[in-house]
Amino acid sequence: MRIIAGEYGGRSLKTTEGPGYRPATSKVRQAIFSMLEARGLYWPDIRVLDLFAGSGALTFEALSRGAEEGWFVEMNKKAAALISENAVKLGVAPHRYRVFAEDMKNVVSKRAAEPFDLIFIDPPYGFNFLTPALKAVLRFGWLAEGGFICAEVESKLPLPPEAEHPDLELIANRAYGQTRILLWTAKENG
């Protein structure tokens, strides 16, 4: 798997295999980043939270494009170790990333010290982890005002009730084969 653009563009990432583990294809990653940039996301100065990080490709892509900081949350210890290894191999400065080798609930089920501008939610297919992840990030203040949540789920997954949360606006709902990309923005208060 290769990073598409930016400082690390063209560089390869090591990946692992396992149940429910399916790294985003370059076509899907390109679509996600095009959608975000078309909606005005400016990479420098943003913080990214990646739940169910897997290979970390989405957040490495964001860091490559200039994101200030990325947090990777991946409970598979082997995948989390590969994320750390890839960060070192790419030369990502240690202050720009953190890797949490634990269940996302342990990380986001407490009040955020500082909210994130972009949250990726890319759960393994067939488990419907989108609902608990959305509930937690909204309840505990993980999403910055005007920020984005980008979910990559199976195309046939029905939208959970949290998708219609009063603090969110669904701005993209696109299918790419067996994958569906859902993109929300946080409504600004006031």
C-alpha atoms as a PDB file:
ATOM      1  CA  MET A   1       0.000   0.000   0.000  1.00  0.00           C
ATOM      2  CA  ARG A   2       1.337   3.411  -1.003  1.00  0.00           C
ATOM      3  CA  ILE A   3       0.669   6.925   0.272  1.00  0.00           C
ATOM      4  CA  ILE A   4      -0.970   8.937  -2.498  1.00  0.00           C
ATOM      5  CA  ALA A   5       0.202  12.535  -2.043  1.00  0.00           C
ATOM      6  CA  GLY A   6       2.195  14.972   0.054  1.00  0.00           C
ATOM      7  CA  GLU A   7       5.499  14.696   1.873  1.00  0.00           C
ATOM      8  CA  TYR A   8       5.399  10.874   2.025  1.00  0.00           C
ATOM      9  CA  GLY A   9       3.685  10.422  -1.355  1.00  0.00           C
ATOM     10  CA  GLY A  10       4.656   7.215  -3.171  1.00  0.00           C
ATOM     11  CA  ARG A  11       6.154   5.637  -0.042  1.00  0.00           C
ATOM     12  CA  SER A  12       4.968   2.169   0.995  1.00  0.00           C
ATOM     13  CA  LEU A  13       3.304   1.112   4.236  1.00  0.00           C
ATOM     14  CA  LYS A  14       3.635  -2.346   5.755  1.00  0.00           C
ATOM     15  CA  THR A  15       0.273  -3.948   6.483  1.00  0.00           C
ATOM     16  CA  THR A  16      -1.010  -7.020   8.264  1.00  0.00           C
ATOM     17  CA  GLU A  17      -3.876  -9.437   7.730  1.00  0.00           C
ATOM     18  CA  GLY A  18      -6.630 -10.669  10.000  1.00  0.00           C
ATOM     19  CA  PRO A  19     -10.395 -11.024  10.443  1.00  0.00           C
ATOM     20  CA  GLY A  20     -12.249  -7.852   9.485  1.00  0.00           C
ATOM     21  CA  TYR A  21      -8.973  -6.195   8.443  1.00  0.00           C
ATOM     22  CA  ARG A  22      -9.209  -4.578   4.995  1.00  0.00           C
ATOM     23  CA  PRO A  23      -7.001  -1.618   4.201  1.00  0.00           C
ATOM     24  CA  ALA A  24      -8.734   1.117   2.200  1.00  0.00           C
ATOM     25  CA  THR A  25      -7.965   0.877  -1.496  1.00  0.00           C
ATOM     26  CA  SER A  26      -6.165   3.782  -3.120  1.00  0.00           C
ATOM     27  CA  LYS A  27      -9.385   4.573  -5.061  1.00  0.00           C
ATOM     28  CA  VAL A  28     -11.380   4.901  -1.829  1.00  0.00           C
ATOM     29  CA  ARG A  29      -8.616   6.887  -0.085  1.00  0.00           C
ATOM     30  CA  GLN A  30      -8.374   9.255  -3.053  1.00  0.00           C
ATOM     31  CA  ALA A  31     -12.171   9.729  -2.978  1.00  0.00           C
ATOM     32  CA  ILE A  32     -12.111  10.483   0.771  1.00  0.00           C
ATOM     33  CA  PHE A  33      -9.346  13.074   0.473  1.00  0.00           C
ATOM     34  CA  SER A  34     -10.940  14.675  -2.584  1.00  0.00           C
ATOM     35  CA  MET A  35     -14.258  14.990  -0.702  1.00  0.00           C
ATOM     36  CA  LEU A  36     -12.560  16.560   2.314  1.00  0.00           C
ATOM     37  CA  GLU A  37     -10.516  19.022   0.280  1.00  0.00           C
ATOM     38  CA  ALA A  38     -13.536  19.969  -1.862  1.00  0.00           C
ATOM     39  CA  ARG A  39     -15.309  20.916   1.374  1.00  0.00           C
ATOM     40  CA  GLY A  40     -12.527  23.255   2.426  1.00  0.00           C
ATOM     41  CA  LEU A  41     -10.410  21.083   4.711  1.00  0.00           C
ATOM     42  CA  TYR A  42      -7.003  22.734   4.984  1.00  0.00           C
ATOM     43  CA  TRP A  43      -4.442  20.200   6.219  1.00  0.00           C
ATOM     44  CA  PRO A  44      -1.944  22.350   8.131  1.00  0.00           C
ATOM     45  CA  ASP A  45      -2.977  22.930  11.741  1.00  0.00           C
ATOM     46  CA  ILE A  46      -5.511  20.079  11.935  1.00  0.00           C
ATOM     47  CA  ARG A  47      -5.545  17.202  14.370  1.00  0.00           C
ATOM     48  CA  VAL A  48      -6.703  13.753  13.207  1.00  0.00           C
ATOM     49  CA  LEU A  49      -8.144  10.897  15.278  1.00  0.00           C
ATOM     50  CA  ASP A  50      -8.216   7.486  13.576  1.00  0.00           C
ATOM     51  CA  LEU A  51     -10.475   4.917  15.257  1.00  0.00           C
ATOM     52  CA  PHE A  52     -10.000   1.306  14.105  1.00  0.00           C
ATOM     53  CA  ALA A  53      -6.797   2.559  12.439  1.00  0.00           C
ATOM     54  CA  GLY A  54      -5.802  -0.786  10.876  1.00  0.00           C
ATOM     55  CA  SER A  55      -2.792   0.042   8.698  1.00  0.00           C
ATOM     56  CA  GLY A  56      -3.047   3.736   9.598  1.00  0.00           C
ATOM     57  CA  ALA A  57      -3.129   4.608   5.877  1.00  0.00           C
ATOM     58  CA  LEU A  58      -5.811   7.297   6.252  1.00  0.00           C
ATOM     59  CA  THR A  59      -3.970   9.195   8.972  1.00  0.00           C
ATOM     60  CA  PHE A  60      -0.561   8.711   7.368  1.00  0.00           C
ATOM     61  CA  GLU A  61      -2.099  10.249   4.240  1.00  0.00           C
ATOM     62  CA  ALA A  62      -3.352  13.202   6.330  1.00  0.00           C
ATOM     63  CA  LEU A  63       0.063  13.629   7.983  1.00  0.00           C
ATOM     64  CA  SER A  64       1.705  13.463   4.567  1.00  0.00           C
ATOM     65  CA  ARG A  65      -0.543  16.309   3.401  1.00  0.00           C
ATOM     66  CA  GLY A  66       0.439  18.470   6.374  1.00  0.00           C
ATOM     67  CA  ALA A  67      -1.836  17.559   9.301  1.00  0.00           C
ATOM     68  CA  GLU A  68      -0.266  18.718  12.552  1.00  0.00           C
ATOM     69  CA  GLU A  69      -0.976  15.602  14.619  1.00  0.00           C
ATOM     70  CA  GLY A  70      -2.509  12.143  14.214  1.00  0.00           C
ATOM     71  CA  TRP A  71      -3.708   9.683  16.834  1.00  0.00           C
ATOM     72  CA  PHE A  72      -4.015   6.045  15.751  1.00  0.00           C
ATOM     73  CA  VAL A  73      -6.316   3.797  17.808  1.00  0.00           C
ATOM     74  CA  GLU A  74      -5.974   0.107  16.915  1.00  0.00           C
ATOM     75  CA  MET A  75      -6.640  -2.742  19.342  1.00  0.00           C
ATOM     76  CA  ASN A  76      -4.849  -5.386  17.236  1.00  0.00           C
ATOM     77  CA  LYS A  77      -1.380  -5.325  18.814  1.00  0.00           C
ATOM     78  CA  LYS A  78       0.379  -6.498  15.629  1.00  0.00           C
ATOM     79  CA  ALA A  79      -1.311  -3.804  13.511  1.00  0.00           C
ATOM     80  CA  ALA A  80      -0.559  -1.146  16.156  1.00  0.00           C
ATOM     81  CA  ALA A  81       3.113  -2.186  16.176  1.00  0.00           C
ATOM     82  CA  LEU A  82       3.200  -1.869  12.371  1.00  0.00           C
ATOM     83  CA  ILE A  83       1.716   1.647  12.612  1.00  0.00           C
ATOM     84  CA  SER A  84       4.566   2.631  14.944  1.00  0.00           C
ATOM     85  CA  GLU A  85       7.099   0.952  12.659  1.00  0.00           C
ATOM     86  CA  ASN A  86       5.689   2.727   9.586  1.00  0.00           C
ATOM     87  CA  ALA A  87       5.781   6.106  11.367  1.00  0.00           C
ATOM     88  CA  VAL A  88       9.465   5.633  12.134  1.00  0.00           C
ATOM     89  CA  LYS A  89      10.203   4.372   8.600  1.00  0.00           C
ATOM     90  CA  LEU A  90       8.459   7.417   7.086  1.00  0.00           C
ATOM     91  CA  GLY A  91      10.300   9.767   9.440  1.00  0.00           C
ATOM     92  CA  VAL A  92       7.177  11.194  11.091  1.00  0.00           C
ATOM     93  CA  ALA A  93       8.348  13.363  13.976  1.00  0.00           C
ATOM     94  CA  PRO A  94       7.437  11.724  17.319  1.00  0.00           C
ATOM     95  CA  HIS A  95       5.467  14.786  18.498  1.00  0.00           C
ATOM     96  CA  ARG A  96       3.144  14.463  15.454  1.00  0.00           C
ATOM     97  CA  TYR A  97       1.624  11.069  16.284  1.00  0.00           C
ATOM     98  CA  ARG A  98       0.478   8.741  19.048  1.00  0.00           C
ATOM     99  CA  VAL A  99      -0.433   5.070  18.755  1.00  0.00           C
ATOM    100  CA  PHE A 100      -2.945   3.498  21.162  1.00  0.00           C
ATOM    101  CA  ALA A 101      -2.880  -0.318  21.072  1.00  0.00           C
ATOM    102  CA  GLU A 102      -6.273  -0.667  22.746  1.00  0.00           C
ATOM    103  CA  ASP A 103     -10.003  -0.768  22.165  1.00  0.00           C
ATOM    104  CA  MET A 104     -11.365   2.556  20.922  1.00  0.00           C
ATOM    105  CA  LYS A 105     -13.856   2.608  23.826  1.00  0.00           C
ATOM    106  CA  ASN A 106     -10.948   2.911  26.274  1.00  0.00           C
ATOM    107  CA  VAL A 107      -9.717   6.019  24.460  1.00  0.00           C
ATOM    108  CA  VAL A 108     -12.893   7.923  23.545  1.00  0.00           C
ATOM    109  CA  SER A 109     -15.194   7.034  26.463  1.00  0.00           C
ATOM    110  CA  LYS A 110     -13.876   9.929  28.523  1.00  0.00           C
ATOM    111  CA  ARG A 111     -13.903  13.688  27.961  1.00  0.00           C
ATOM    112  CA  ALA A 112     -11.480  14.853  25.255  1.00  0.00           C
ATOM    113  CA  ALA A 113      -8.748  17.188  26.493  1.00  0.00           C
ATOM    114  CA  GLU A 114      -8.652  18.797  23.064  1.00  0.00           C
ATOM    115  CA  PRO A 115     -11.077  18.016  20.207  1.00  0.00           C
ATOM    116  CA  PHE A 116     -10.025  16.786  16.769  1.00  0.00           C
ATOM    117  CA  ASP A 117     -10.718  18.472  13.427  1.00  0.00           C
ATOM    118  CA  LEU A 118     -11.044  15.171  11.559  1.00  0.00           C
ATOM    119  CA  ILE A 119     -12.110  11.798  12.898  1.00  0.00           C
ATOM    120  CA  PHE A 120     -11.821   8.653  10.792  1.00  0.00           C
ATOM    121  CA  ILE A 121     -14.070   5.752  11.806  1.00  0.00           C
ATOM    122  CA  ASP A 122     -13.193   2.652   9.771  1.00  0.00           C
ATOM    123  CA  PRO A 123     -14.517  -0.335  11.754  1.00  0.00           C
ATOM    124  CA  PRO A 124     -14.210  -3.963  10.657  1.00  0.00           C
ATOM    125  CA  TYR A 125     -17.165  -5.019   8.523  1.00  0.00           C
ATOM    126  CA  GLY A 126     -19.991  -7.046  10.052  1.00  0.00           C
ATOM    127  CA  PHE A 127     -19.812  -5.778  13.637  1.00  0.00           C
ATOM    128  CA  ASN A 128     -21.716  -2.444  13.491  1.00  0.00           C
ATOM    129  CA  PHE A 129     -19.099  -0.574  15.543  1.00  0.00           C
ATOM    130  CA  LEU A 130     -20.048   2.698  13.821  1.00  0.00           C
ATOM    131  CA  THR A 131     -22.883   3.373  16.302  1.00  0.00           C
ATOM    132  CA  PRO A 132     -20.820   3.104  19.531  1.00  0.00           C
ATOM    133  CA  ALA A 133     -17.956   5.064  17.964  1.00  0.00           C
ATOM    134  CA  LEU A 134     -20.259   7.912  16.853  1.00  0.00           C
ATOM    135  CA  LYS A 135     -21.989   7.979  20.243  1.00  0.00           C
ATOM    136  CA  ALA A 136     -18.697   8.189  22.137  1.00  0.00           C
ATOM    137  CA  VAL A 137     -17.016  10.884  20.037  1.00  0.00           C
ATOM    138  CA  LEU A 138     -20.127  13.065  20.174  1.00  0.00           C
ATOM    139  CA  ARG A 139     -20.895  12.503  23.850  1.00  0.00           C
ATOM    140  CA  PHE A 140     -17.373  13.157  25.085  1.00  0.00           C
ATOM    141  CA  GLY A 141     -16.456  16.153  22.922  1.00  0.00           C
ATOM    142  CA  TRP A 142     -13.889  14.576  20.581  1.00  0.00           C
ATOM    143  CA  LEU A 143     -15.064  16.477  17.482  1.00  0.00           C
ATOM    144  CA  ALA A 144     -14.088  20.131  17.095  1.00  0.00           C
ATOM    145  CA  GLU A 145     -16.675  22.691  16.062  1.00  0.00           C
ATOM    146  CA  GLY A 146     -16.729  22.748  12.263  1.00  0.00           C
ATOM    147  CA  GLY A 147     -14.782  19.462  12.180  1.00  0.00           C
ATOM    148  CA  PHE A 148     -15.422  16.364  10.066  1.00  0.00           C
ATOM    149  CA  ILE A 149     -16.215  12.723  10.763  1.00  0.00           C
ATOM    150  CA  CYS A 150     -15.438  10.338   7.917  1.00  0.00           C
ATOM    151  CA  ALA A 151     -16.719   6.759   8.223  1.00  0.00           C
ATOM    152  CA  GLU A 152     -15.823   3.897   5.915  1.00  0.00           C
ATOM    153  CA  VAL A 153     -18.382   1.105   6.314  1.00  0.00           C
ATOM    154  CA  GLU A 154     -19.916  -1.700   4.278  1.00  0.00           C
ATOM    155  CA  SER A 155     -22.189  -0.358   1.525  1.00  0.00           C
ATOM    156  CA  LYS A 156     -25.297  -2.187   2.776  1.00  0.00           C
ATOM    157  CA  LEU A 157     -25.023  -0.988   6.389  1.00  0.00           C
ATOM    158  CA  PRO A 158     -28.121   1.052   7.286  1.00  0.00           C
ATOM    159  CA  LEU A 159     -27.463   4.504   8.693  1.00  0.00           C
ATOM    160  CA  PRO A 160     -27.578   4.394  12.489  1.00  0.00           C
ATOM    161  CA  PRO A 161     -29.817   6.848  14.390  1.00  0.00           C
ATOM    162  CA  GLU A 162     -26.681   8.768  15.431  1.00  0.00           C
ATOM    163  CA  ALA A 163     -26.203   9.661  11.754  1.00  0.00           C
ATOM    164  CA  GLU A 164     -29.053  12.132  12.214  1.00  0.00           C
ATOM    165  CA  HIS A 165     -27.538  13.681  15.352  1.00  0.00           C
ATOM    166  CA  PRO A 166     -28.588  17.354  15.762  1.00  0.00           C
ATOM    167  CA  ASP A 167     -24.925  18.432  15.999  1.00  0.00           C
ATOM    168  CA  LEU A 168     -24.008  16.748  12.690  1.00  0.00           C
ATOM    169  CA  GLU A 169     -24.807  17.377   9.048  1.00  0.00           C
ATOM    170  CA  LEU A 170     -24.392  14.431   6.655  1.00  0.00           C
ATOM    171  CA  ILE A 171     -22.654  16.000   3.638  1.00  0.00           C
ATOM    172  CA  ALA A 172     -21.644  12.898   1.643  1.00  0.00           C
ATOM    173  CA  ASN A 173     -22.962   9.349   1.364  1.00  0.00           C
ATOM    174  CA  ARG A 174     -21.222   7.527  -1.492  1.00  0.00           C
ATOM    175  CA  ALA A 175     -20.776   3.853  -2.367  1.00  0.00           C
ATOM    176  CA  TYR A 176     -17.634   2.419  -3.947  1.00  0.00           C
ATOM    177  CA  GLY A 177     -18.358  -1.268  -4.546  1.00  0.00           C
ATOM    178  CA  GLN A 178     -18.724  -2.934  -1.144  1.00  0.00           C
ATOM    179  CA  THR A 179     -17.586   0.230   0.684  1.00  0.00           C
ATOM    180  CA  ARG A 180     -19.660   3.252   1.695  1.00  0.00           C
ATOM    181  CA  ILE A 181     -18.103   6.571   2.653  1.00  0.00           C
ATOM    182  CA  LEU A 182     -20.127   8.740   5.045  1.00  0.00           C
ATOM    183  CA  LEU A 183     -18.943  12.268   5.710  1.00  0.00           C
ATOM    184  CA  TRP A 184     -20.391  14.548   8.363  1.00  0.00           C
ATOM    185  CA  THR A 185     -19.486  18.017   9.474  1.00  0.00           C
ATOM    186  CA  ALA A 186     -20.069  19.339  12.974  1.00  0.00           C
ATOM    187  CA  LYS A 187     -22.630  22.120  12.977  1.00  0.00           C
ATOM    188  CA  GLU A 188     -21.268  25.330  14.397  1.00  0.00           C
ATOM    189  CA  ASN A 189     -22.835  26.445  17.669  1.00  0.00           C
ATOM    190  CA  GLY A 190     -24.190  29.914  17.916  1.00  0.00           C
END
